[in-house]
């Protein structure tokens, strides 16, 4: 199923890029000078996935579902910048999130690939520091009064520091004594190549209302990753406001993180000059 999903997403990206390649020969009025844009925004995602830990003093691996524990965003910083000259450009996007939470008496906690016994539970605390940094080149393949489409290619850095505190309660004789409580920190740092498309549909008076969209796929240190976003915005010319929905997925098996998903609303503003 995972393989079929990744193939479908990659096919969707290719299909979106086909009309772009068909428009390479189209002539469009271009500004020969540099154009810049900067954005600051808030992304408020729900997180889901599985984290796997192997305590240094024990023999059992632990698995915990992220969505059952995390509930509090402690710190967040999200900014992006782009520059373009003619059809060519560069963009960078930086996201940092510090999220933590705890849960008492949970049974959704796996020890040695086995669920906890019926008369046992776990007190779990989890802290995740997430950093995403995208750096890519862009080519504006289509520019019409109602549509822009850019081909993007570059890299995305994914850095997660995860700290798990746990204590098992009840009848846990099947778990080694060293593994019944403790704390462990695992860091994952991945670089992945990405390719995709981004742009906007424009309508309304003066084409001031727009629908931004973005879709990319990648792999490298990660087995597979993809992200997508779509929203609604309003342009004042020199400034814009946007509300959107953004989704990001990582498959990072055998590195402490099995899978991670981030999905939620985005609110932000941009300035162009």
Foldseek 3Di string as FASTA:
>chain_A
DVVVVQVVQVVVQVVVCVVLVVQQPPDDDFDQDKKKKKKWKDWDWQKWFKFWADDPVFDKIKIAIPNVFWDDWDDKTWMKMKMDGTFKIKIKIKIKTKIWGWDPFAQRMDINNHTDPPFKGKTKIKIKIKIKMWIWMWGFSDDDQFKTKIKIKGKMKIKMKMKMWMAMDGDDVVGDPVPRTDMDIAMDIDMKIKIGMWIWGFDDVVSQKIKTKIKMKIDDQFNIKIKIKIWIKGDPPQKIKIKMKIKIKTQNPPRRTGIMIIIGMMTMMMGMD
